[in-house]
Amino acid sequence: MGSIPKLPKEQVWDRHAIKAAITRKGKNLTQLAESYDVAPQTVRNALDKPSKIGEIIISEFIGIPLHILFPERWTENNKRIYPRVAKRQRGAQ
């Protein structure tokens, strides 16, 4: 028989988990955008690609720090990570 895969010890925040957390708090992506007076696409984009305003709105709404929800985009000090700058800095070393 096959073995049951072990679940990760910490929450993995992929686009589906983030969307589910928003839904559990009683809103969908469009309603969330409307409550912050931004275009719905601003919030939707944050699930797949960098969208500073969308990421901040999602983080604030579900109460999870930016660096946990989007670790490849934010540092623990809430500083934005810009991929092109990071690549240039790595290339210069």
PDB file of N, CA and C in Angstrom:
ATOM      1  N   MET A   1       0.831  -1.189   0.000  1.00  0.00           N
ATOM      2  CA  MET A   1       0.000   0.000   0.000  1.00  0.00           C
ATOM      3  C   MET A   1       0.874   1.252   0.000  1.00  0.00           C
ATOM      4  N   GLY A   2       0.353   2.329  -0.536  1.00  0.00           N
ATOM      5  CA  GLY A   2       1.074   3.604  -0.553  1.00  0.00           C
ATOM      6  C   GLY A   2       1.028   4.285   0.808  1.00  0.00           C
ATOM      7  N   SER A   3       1.986   5.115   1.001  1.00  0.00           N
ATOM      8  CA  SER A   3       2.005   5.851   2.262  1.00  0.00           C
ATOM      9  C   SER A   3       1.323   7.205   2.087  1.00  0.00           C
ATOM     10  N   ILE A   4       0.843   7.736   3.176  1.00  0.00           N
ATOM     11  CA  ILE A   4       0.186   9.031   3.157  1.00  0.00           C
ATOM     12  C   ILE A   4       1.267  10.110   3.230  1.00  0.00           C
ATOM     13  N   PRO A   5       1.250  11.049   2.306  1.00  0.00           N
ATOM     14  CA  PRO A   5       2.271  12.101   2.338  1.00  0.00           C
ATOM     15  C   PRO A   5       2.104  12.962   3.590  1.00  0.00           C
ATOM     16  N   LYS A   6       3.235  13.406   4.134  1.00  0.00           N
ATOM     17  CA  LYS A   6       3.191  14.256   5.311  1.00  0.00           C
ATOM     18  C   LYS A   6       2.781  15.669   4.900  1.00  0.00           C
ATOM     19  N   LEU A   7       1.936  16.248   5.709  1.00  0.00           N
ATOM     20  CA  LEU A   7       1.509  17.616   5.460  1.00  0.00           C
ATOM     21  C   LEU A   7       2.571  18.585   5.947  1.00  0.00           C
ATOM     22  N   PRO A   8       2.706  19.720   5.287  1.00  0.00           N
ATOM     23  CA  PRO A   8       3.676  20.704   5.756  1.00  0.00           C
ATOM     24  C   PRO A   8       3.301  21.207   7.149  1.00  0.00           C
ATOM     25  N   LYS A   9       4.307  21.510   7.966  1.00  0.00           N
ATOM     26  CA  LYS A   9       4.048  21.965   9.325  1.00  0.00           C
ATOM     27  C   LYS A   9       3.497  23.383   9.347  1.00  0.00           C
ATOM     28  N   GLU A  10       3.898  24.199   8.396  1.00  0.00           N
ATOM     29  CA  GLU A  10       3.390  25.558   8.354  1.00  0.00           C
ATOM     30  C   GLU A  10       2.493  25.731   7.137  1.00  0.00           C
ATOM     31  N   GLN A  11       1.625  26.710   7.203  1.00  0.00           N
ATOM     32  CA  GLN A  11       0.695  26.993   6.119  1.00  0.00           C
ATOM     33  C   GLN A  11       1.467  27.413   4.868  1.00  0.00           C
ATOM     34  N   VAL A  12       1.116  26.833   3.751  1.00  0.00           N
ATOM     35  CA  VAL A  12       1.688  27.239   2.468  1.00  0.00           C
ATOM     36  C   VAL A  12       0.678  28.194   1.837  1.00  0.00           C
ATOM     37  N   TRP A  13       1.116  29.409   1.592  1.00  0.00           N
ATOM     38  CA  TRP A  13       0.213  30.425   1.065  1.00  0.00           C
ATOM     39  C   TRP A  13       0.356  30.535  -0.450  1.00  0.00           C
ATOM     40  N   ASP A  14      -0.307  29.641  -1.170  1.00  0.00           N
ATOM     41  CA  ASP A  14      -0.372  29.775  -2.616  1.00  0.00           C
ATOM     42  C   ASP A  14      -1.646  30.550  -2.959  1.00  0.00           C
ATOM     43  N   ARG A  15      -1.867  30.776  -4.229  1.00  0.00           N
ATOM     44  CA  ARG A  15      -3.024  31.582  -4.638  1.00  0.00           C
ATOM     45  C   ARG A  15      -4.348  31.003  -4.152  1.00  0.00           C
ATOM     46  N   HIS A  16      -4.456  29.672  -4.100  1.00  0.00           N
ATOM     47  CA  HIS A  16      -5.698  29.034  -3.677  1.00  0.00           C
ATOM     48  C   HIS A  16      -5.936  29.206  -2.178  1.00  0.00           C
ATOM     49  N   ALA A  17      -4.891  29.086  -1.382  1.00  0.00           N
ATOM     50  CA  ALA A  17      -5.016  29.256   0.065  1.00  0.00           C
ATOM     51  C   ALA A  17      -5.370  30.712   0.401  1.00  0.00           C
ATOM     52  N   ILE A  18      -4.771  31.647  -0.314  1.00  0.00           N
ATOM     53  CA  ILE A  18      -5.067  33.062  -0.076  1.00  0.00           C
ATOM     54  C   ILE A  18      -6.517  33.361  -0.431  1.00  0.00           C
ATOM     55  N   LYS A  19      -6.948  32.867  -1.572  1.00  0.00           N
ATOM     56  CA  LYS A  19      -8.325  33.084  -2.010  1.00  0.00           C
ATOM     57  C   LYS A  19      -9.312  32.447  -1.024  1.00  0.00           C
ATOM     58  N   ALA A  20      -8.988  31.257  -0.531  1.00  0.00           N
ATOM     59  CA  ALA A  20      -9.848  30.584   0.447  1.00  0.00           C
ATOM     60  C   ALA A  20      -9.919  31.368   1.755  1.00  0.00           C
ATOM     61  N   ALA A  21      -8.805  31.951   2.179  1.00  0.00           N
ATOM     62  CA  ALA A  21      -8.781  32.737   3.416  1.00  0.00           C
ATOM     63  C   ALA A  21      -9.668  33.977   3.279  1.00  0.00           C
ATOM     64  N   ILE A  22      -9.640  34.594   2.115  1.00  0.00           N
ATOM     65  CA  ILE A  22     -10.492  35.758   1.864  1.00  0.00           C
ATOM     66  C   ILE A  22     -11.957  35.338   1.914  1.00  0.00           C
ATOM     67  N   THR A  23     -12.272  34.219   1.286  1.00  0.00           N
ATOM     68  CA  THR A  23     -13.638  33.714   1.275  1.00  0.00           C
ATOM     69  C   THR A  23     -14.111  33.367   2.684  1.00  0.00           C
ATOM     70  N   ARG A  24     -13.236  32.737   3.483  1.00  0.00           N
ATOM     71  CA  ARG A  24     -13.601  32.393   4.862  1.00  0.00           C
ATOM     72  C   ARG A  24     -13.906  33.631   5.695  1.00  0.00           C
ATOM     73  N   LYS A  25     -13.309  34.757   5.329  1.00  0.00           N
ATOM     74  CA  LYS A  25     -13.576  36.007   6.062  1.00  0.00           C
ATOM     75  C   LYS A  25     -14.803  36.725   5.509  1.00  0.00           C
ATOM     76  N   GLY A  26     -15.470  36.111   4.537  1.00  0.00           N
ATOM     77  CA  GLY A  26     -16.761  36.622   4.095  1.00  0.00           C
ATOM     78  C   GLY A  26     -16.789  37.493   2.855  1.00  0.00           C
ATOM     79  N   LYS A  27     -15.716  37.522   2.091  1.00  0.00           N
ATOM     80  CA  LYS A  27     -15.720  38.321   0.864  1.00  0.00           C
ATOM     81  C   LYS A  27     -15.102  37.523  -0.271  1.00  0.00           C
ATOM     82  N   ASN A  28     -15.413  37.942  -1.489  1.00  0.00           N
ATOM     83  CA  ASN A  28     -14.687  37.413  -2.634  1.00  0.00           C
ATOM     84  C   ASN A  28     -13.724  38.498  -3.096  1.00  0.00           C
ATOM     85  N   LEU A  29     -12.937  38.233  -4.112  1.00  0.00           N
ATOM     86  CA  LEU A  29     -11.917  39.188  -4.546  1.00  0.00           C
ATOM     87  C   LEU A  29     -12.518  40.514  -5.014  1.00  0.00           C
ATOM     88  N   THR A  30     -13.634  40.453  -5.711  1.00  0.00           N
ATOM     89  CA  THR A  30     -14.282  41.670  -6.197  1.00  0.00           C
ATOM     90  C   THR A  30     -14.801  42.510  -5.040  1.00  0.00           C
ATOM     91  N   GLN A  31     -15.456  41.868  -4.078  1.00  0.00           N
ATOM     92  CA  GLN A  31     -15.970  42.596  -2.915  1.00  0.00           C
ATOM     93  C   GLN A  31     -14.834  43.215  -2.106  1.00  0.00           C
ATOM     94  N   LEU A  32     -13.739  42.485  -1.986  1.00  0.00           N
ATOM     95  CA  LEU A  32     -12.583  43.003  -1.261  1.00  0.00           C
ATOM     96  C   LEU A  32     -12.050  44.261  -1.953  1.00  0.00           C
ATOM     97  N   ALA A  33     -11.914  44.201  -3.258  1.00  0.00           N
ATOM     98  CA  ALA A  33     -11.437  45.363  -4.019  1.00  0.00           C
ATOM     99  C   ALA A  33     -12.386  46.542  -3.857  1.00  0.00           C
ATOM    100  N   GLU A  34     -13.679  46.287  -3.932  1.00  0.00           N
ATOM    101  CA  GLU A  34     -14.661  47.366  -3.792  1.00  0.00           C
ATOM    102  C   GLU A  34     -14.592  48.010  -2.411  1.00  0.00           C
ATOM    103  N   SER A  35     -14.376  47.200  -1.374  1.00  0.00           N
ATOM    104  CA  SER A  35     -14.329  47.756  -0.020  1.00  0.00           C
ATOM    105  C   SER A  35     -13.100  48.630   0.193  1.00  0.00           C
ATOM    106  N   TYR A  36     -12.061  48.448  -0.623  1.00  0.00           N
ATOM    107  CA  TYR A  36     -10.857  49.288  -0.545  1.00  0.00           C
ATOM    108  C   TYR A  36     -10.816  50.315  -1.674  1.00  0.00           C
ATOM    109  N   ASP A  37     -11.885  50.373  -2.441  1.00  0.00           N
ATOM    110  CA  ASP A  37     -12.033  51.344  -3.528  1.00  0.00           C
ATOM    111  C   ASP A  37     -10.906  51.258  -4.563  1.00  0.00           C
ATOM    112  N   VAL A  38     -10.610  50.021  -4.970  1.00  0.00           N
ATOM    113  CA  VAL A  38      -9.653  49.800  -6.057  1.00  0.00           C
ATOM    114  C   VAL A  38     -10.308  48.895  -7.096  1.00  0.00           C
ATOM    115  N   ALA A  39      -9.722  48.834  -8.260  1.00  0.00           N
ATOM    116  CA  ALA A  39     -10.246  47.970  -9.320  1.00  0.00           C
ATOM    117  C   ALA A  39     -10.086  46.507  -8.916  1.00  0.00           C
ATOM    118  N   PRO A  40     -11.056  45.663  -9.216  1.00  0.00           N
ATOM    119  CA  PRO A  40     -10.951  44.240  -8.869  1.00  0.00           C
ATOM    120  C   PRO A  40      -9.693  43.576  -9.413  1.00  0.00           C
ATOM    121  N   GLN A  41      -9.238  43.998 -10.582  1.00  0.00           N
ATOM    122  CA  GLN A  41      -8.050  43.405 -11.184  1.00  0.00           C
ATOM    123  C   GLN A  41      -6.804  43.653 -10.333  1.00  0.00           C
ATOM    124  N   THR A  42      -6.788  44.737  -9.575  1.00  0.00           N
ATOM    125  CA  THR A  42      -5.650  45.048  -8.704  1.00  0.00           C
ATOM    126  C   THR A  42      -5.449  43.942  -7.677  1.00  0.00           C
ATOM    127  N   VAL A  43      -6.539  43.480  -7.096  1.00  0.00           N
ATOM    128  CA  VAL A  43      -6.461  42.412  -6.090  1.00  0.00           C
ATOM    129  C   VAL A  43      -6.212  41.068  -6.762  1.00  0.00           C
ATOM    130  N   ARG A  44      -6.885  40.814  -7.877  1.00  0.00           N
ATOM    131  CA  ARG A  44      -6.692  39.542  -8.583  1.00  0.00           C
ATOM    132  C   ARG A  44      -5.249  39.367  -9.045  1.00  0.00           C
ATOM    133  N   ASN A  45      -4.660  40.423  -9.555  1.00  0.00           N
ATOM    134  CA  ASN A  45      -3.281  40.356 -10.050  1.00  0.00           C
ATOM    135  C   ASN A  45      -2.319  39.931  -8.957  1.00  0.00           C
ATOM    136  N   ALA A  46      -2.564  40.362  -7.740  1.00  0.00           N
ATOM    137  CA  ALA A  46      -1.651  40.066  -6.630  1.00  0.00           C
ATOM    138  C   ALA A  46      -1.497  38.571  -6.382  1.00  0.00           C
ATOM    139  N   LEU A  47      -2.467  37.777  -6.795  1.00  0.00           N
ATOM    140  CA  LEU A  47      -2.371  36.332  -6.593  1.00  0.00           C
ATOM    141  C   LEU A  47      -1.359  35.678  -7.523  1.00  0.00           C
ATOM    142  N   ASP A  48      -1.067  36.322  -8.646  1.00  0.00           N
ATOM    143  CA  ASP A  48      -0.187  35.716  -9.647  1.00  0.00           C
ATOM    144  C   ASP A  48       1.100  36.477  -9.936  1.00  0.00           C
ATOM    145  N   LYS A  49       1.061  37.789  -9.755  1.00  0.00           N
ATOM    146  CA  LYS A  49       2.233  38.593 -10.083  1.00  0.00           C
ATOM    147  C   LYS A  49       2.289  39.788  -9.137  1.00  0.00           C
ATOM    148  N   PRO A  50       3.435  40.438  -9.060  1.00  0.00           N
ATOM    149  CA  PRO A  50       3.559  41.568  -8.138  1.00  0.00           C
ATOM    150  C   PRO A  50       2.523  42.662  -8.393  1.00  0.00           C
ATOM    151  N   SER A  51       1.836  43.030  -7.332  1.00  0.00           N
ATOM    152  CA  SER A  51       0.862  44.108  -7.341  1.00  0.00           C
ATOM    153  C   SER A  51       0.852  44.680  -5.928  1.00  0.00           C
ATOM    154  N   LYS A  52       1.675  45.681  -5.718  1.00  0.00           N
ATOM    155  CA  LYS A  52       1.910  46.192  -4.371  1.00  0.00           C
ATOM    156  C   LYS A  52       0.614  46.522  -3.625  1.00  0.00           C
ATOM    157  N   ILE A  53      -0.262  47.278  -4.225  1.00  0.00           N
ATOM    158  CA  ILE A  53      -1.507  47.669  -3.567  1.00  0.00           C
ATOM    159  C   ILE A  53      -2.363  46.437  -3.281  1.00  0.00           C
ATOM    160  N   GLY A  54      -2.491  45.553  -4.262  1.00  0.00           N
ATOM    161  CA  GLY A  54      -3.285  44.337  -4.074  1.00  0.00           C
ATOM    162  C   GLY A  54      -2.740  43.457  -2.963  1.00  0.00           C
ATOM    163  N   GLU A  55      -1.431  43.314  -2.906  1.00  0.00           N
ATOM    164  CA  GLU A  55      -0.800  42.491  -1.871  1.00  0.00           C
ATOM    165  C   GLU A  55      -1.043  43.078  -0.484  1.00  0.00           C
ATOM    166  N   ILE A  56      -0.922  44.394  -0.367  1.00  0.00           N
ATOM    167  CA  ILE A  56      -1.143  45.057   0.916  1.00  0.00           C
ATOM    168  C   ILE A  56      -2.601  44.904   1.362  1.00  0.00           C
ATOM    169  N   ILE A  57      -3.535  45.059   0.441  1.00  0.00           N
ATOM    170  CA  ILE A  57      -4.956  44.907   0.760  1.00  0.00           C
ATOM    171  C   ILE A  57      -5.238  43.496   1.259  1.00  0.00           C
ATOM    172  N   ILE A  58      -4.742  42.498   0.553  1.00  0.00           N
ATOM    173  CA  ILE A  58      -4.972  41.105   0.949  1.00  0.00           C
ATOM    174  C   ILE A  58      -4.373  40.839   2.322  1.00  0.00           C
ATOM    175  N   SER A  59      -3.145  41.260   2.522  1.00  0.00           N
ATOM    176  CA  SER A  59      -2.459  41.042   3.790  1.00  0.00           C
ATOM    177  C   SER A  59      -3.223  41.676   4.947  1.00  0.00           C
ATOM    178  N   GLU A  60      -3.632  42.916   4.747  1.00  0.00           N
ATOM    179  CA  GLU A  60      -4.368  43.640   5.779  1.00  0.00           C
ATOM    180  C   GLU A  60      -5.700  42.955   6.081  1.00  0.00           C
ATOM    181  N   PHE A  61      -6.398  42.537   5.041  1.00  0.00           N
ATOM    182  CA  PHE A  61      -7.727  41.946   5.227  1.00  0.00           C
ATOM    183  C   PHE A  61      -7.673  40.608   5.963  1.00  0.00           C
ATOM    184  N   ILE A  62      -6.757  39.731   5.578  1.00  0.00           N
ATOM    185  CA  ILE A  62      -6.733  38.422   6.240  1.00  0.00           C
ATOM    186  C   ILE A  62      -5.836  38.389   7.469  1.00  0.00           C
ATOM    187  N   GLY A  63      -5.096  39.475   7.708  1.00  0.00           N
ATOM    188  CA  GLY A  63      -4.309  39.577   8.926  1.00  0.00           C
ATOM    189  C   GLY A  63      -3.045  38.735   8.959  1.00  0.00           C
ATOM    190  N   ILE A  64      -2.469  38.499   7.801  1.00  0.00           N
ATOM    191  CA  ILE A  64      -1.220  37.744   7.699  1.00  0.00           C
ATOM    192  C   ILE A  64      -0.166  38.697   7.122  1.00  0.00           C
ATOM    193  N   PRO A  65       1.025  38.760   7.737  1.00  0.00           N
ATOM    194  CA  PRO A  65       2.055  39.681   7.238  1.00  0.00           C
ATOM    195  C   PRO A  65       2.436  39.417   5.781  1.00  0.00           C
ATOM    196  N   LEU A  66       2.805  40.495   5.103  1.00  0.00           N
ATOM    197  CA  LEU A  66       3.188  40.418   3.689  1.00  0.00           C
ATOM    198  C   LEU A  66       4.295  39.398   3.439  1.00  0.00           C
ATOM    199  N   HIS A  67       5.312  39.370   4.294  1.00  0.00           N
ATOM    200  CA  HIS A  67       6.454  38.484   4.051  1.00  0.00           C
ATOM    201  C   HIS A  67       6.094  37.003   4.203  1.00  0.00           C
ATOM    202  N   ILE A  68       4.980  36.715   4.842  1.00  0.00           N
ATOM    203  CA  ILE A  68       4.524  35.323   4.952  1.00  0.00           C
ATOM    204  C   ILE A  68       3.667  34.957   3.740  1.00  0.00           C
ATOM    205  N   LEU A  69       2.778  35.845   3.353  1.00  0.00           N
ATOM    206  CA  LEU A  69       1.925  35.585   2.182  1.00  0.00           C
ATOM    207  C   LEU A  69       2.709  35.581   0.878  1.00  0.00           C
ATOM    208  N   PHE A  70       3.622  36.525   0.752  1.00  0.00           N
ATOM    209  CA  PHE A  70       4.368  36.702  -0.492  1.00  0.00           C
ATOM    210  C   PHE A  70       5.866  36.750  -0.194  1.00  0.00           C
ATOM    211  N   PRO A  71       6.462  35.657   0.246  1.00  0.00           N
ATOM    212  CA  PRO A  71       7.866  35.679   0.676  1.00  0.00           C
ATOM    213  C   PRO A  71       8.858  36.035  -0.427  1.00  0.00           C
ATOM    214  N   GLU A  72       8.501  35.782  -1.678  1.00  0.00           N
ATOM    215  CA  GLU A  72       9.415  36.110  -2.771  1.00  0.00           C
ATOM    216  C   GLU A  72       9.306  37.583  -3.174  1.00  0.00           C
ATOM    217  N   ARG A  73       8.338  38.303  -2.584  1.00  0.00           N
ATOM    218  CA  ARG A  73       8.113  39.704  -2.947  1.00  0.00           C
ATOM    219  C   ARG A  73       8.381  40.694  -1.809  1.00  0.00           C
ATOM    220  N   TRP A  74       8.419  40.210  -0.555  1.00  0.00           N
ATOM    221  CA  TRP A  74       8.554  41.092   0.602  1.00  0.00           C
ATOM    222  C   TRP A  74       9.544  40.523   1.609  1.00  0.00           C
ATOM    223  N   THR A  75      10.292  41.409   2.278  1.00  0.00           N
ATOM    224  CA  THR A  75      11.186  40.982   3.354  1.00  0.00           C
ATOM    225  C   THR A  75      10.420  41.048   4.674  1.00  0.00           C
ATOM    226  N   GLU A  76      11.037  40.534   5.729  1.00  0.00           N
ATOM    227  CA  GLU A  76      10.402  40.580   7.047  1.00  0.00           C
ATOM    228  C   GLU A  76      10.233  42.008   7.545  1.00  0.00           C
ATOM    229  N   ASN A  77      11.002  42.932   7.013  1.00  0.00           N
ATOM    230  CA  ASN A  77      10.914  44.346   7.404  1.00  0.00           C
ATOM    231  C   ASN A  77       9.908  45.118   6.552  1.00  0.00           C
ATOM    232  N   ASN A  78       9.064  44.404   5.829  1.00  0.00           N
ATOM    233  CA  ASN A  78       8.083  45.008   4.917  1.00  0.00           C
ATOM    234  C   ASN A  78       8.730  45.878   3.849  1.00  0.00           C
ATOM    235  N   LYS A  79       9.869  45.441   3.374  1.00  0.00           N
ATOM    236  CA  LYS A  79      10.531  46.096   2.247  1.00  0.00           C
ATOM    237  C   LYS A  79      10.237  45.280   1.001  1.00  0.00           C
ATOM    238  N   ARG A  80       9.928  45.956  -0.055  1.00  0.00           N
ATOM    239  CA  ARG A  80       9.600  45.313  -1.322  1.00  0.00           C
ATOM    240  C   ARG A  80      10.863  44.714  -1.939  1.00  0.00           C
ATOM    241  N   ILE A  81      10.748  43.508  -2.459  1.00  0.00           N
ATOM    242  CA  ILE A  81      11.846  42.872  -3.190  1.00  0.00           C
ATOM    243  C   ILE A  81      11.548  43.068  -4.679  1.00  0.00           C
ATOM    244  N   TYR A  82      12.446  43.734  -5.352  1.00  0.00           N
ATOM    245  CA  TYR A  82      12.278  43.970  -6.780  1.00  0.00           C
ATOM    246  C   TYR A  82      13.181  43.001  -7.534  1.00  0.00           C
ATOM    247  N   PRO A  83      12.604  42.043  -8.263  1.00  0.00           N
ATOM    248  CA  PRO A  83      13.396  40.989  -8.905  1.00  0.00           C
ATOM    249  C   PRO A  83      14.501  41.493  -9.825  1.00  0.00           C
ATOM    250  N   ARG A  84      14.255  42.523 -10.608  1.00  0.00           N
ATOM    251  CA  ARG A  84      15.277  43.005 -11.534  1.00  0.00           C
ATOM    252  C   ARG A  84      16.466  43.580 -10.793  1.00  0.00           C
ATOM    253  N   VAL A  85      16.215  44.282  -9.713  1.00  0.00           N
ATOM    254  CA  VAL A  85      17.304  44.851  -8.916  1.00  0.00           C
ATOM    255  C   VAL A  85      18.101  43.743  -8.253  1.00  0.00           C
ATOM    256  N   ALA A  86      17.385  42.738  -7.715  1.00  0.00           N
ATOM    257  CA  ALA A  86      18.054  41.618  -7.059  1.00  0.00           C
ATOM    258  C   ALA A  86      18.934  40.864  -8.052  1.00  0.00           C
ATOM    259  N   LYS A  87      18.477  40.684  -9.289  1.00  0.00           N
ATOM    260  CA  LYS A  87      19.275  40.001 -10.309  1.00  0.00           C
ATOM    261  C   LYS A  87      20.532  40.790 -10.639  1.00  0.00           C
ATOM    262  N   ARG A  88      20.406  42.107 -10.765  1.00  0.00           N
ATOM    263  CA  ARG A  88      21.565  42.946 -11.066  1.00  0.00           C
ATOM    264  C   ARG A  88      22.577  42.896  -9.935  1.00  0.00           C
ATOM    265  N   GLN A  89      22.107  42.913  -8.695  1.00  0.00           N
ATOM    266  CA  GLN A  89      23.014  42.869  -7.554  1.00  0.00           C
ATOM    267  C   GLN A  89      23.739  41.532  -7.488  1.00  0.00           C
ATOM    268  N   ARG A  90      23.039  40.450  -7.786  1.00  0.00           N
ATOM    269  CA  ARG A  90      23.678  39.131  -7.799  1.00  0.00           C
ATOM    270  C   ARG A  90      24.680  39.026  -8.923  1.00  0.00           C
ATOM    271  N   GLY A  91      24.374  39.625 -10.068  1.00  0.00           N
ATOM    272  CA  GLY A  91      25.268  39.568 -11.211  1.00  0.00           C
ATOM    273  C   GLY A  91      26.541  40.376 -11.006  1.00  0.00           C
ATOM    274  N   ALA A  92      26.462  41.414 -10.183  1.00  0.00           N
ATOM    275  CA  ALA A  92      27.624  42.277  -9.928  1.00  0.00           C
ATOM    276  C   ALA A  92      28.605  41.645  -8.948  1.00  0.00           C
ATOM    277  N   GLN A  93      28.171  40.643  -8.238  1.00  0.00           N
ATOM    278  CA  GLN A  93      29.058  40.025  -7.226  1.00  0.00           C
ATOM    279  C   GLN A  93      30.024  39.065  -7.828  1.00  0.00           C
TER     280      GLN A  93
END
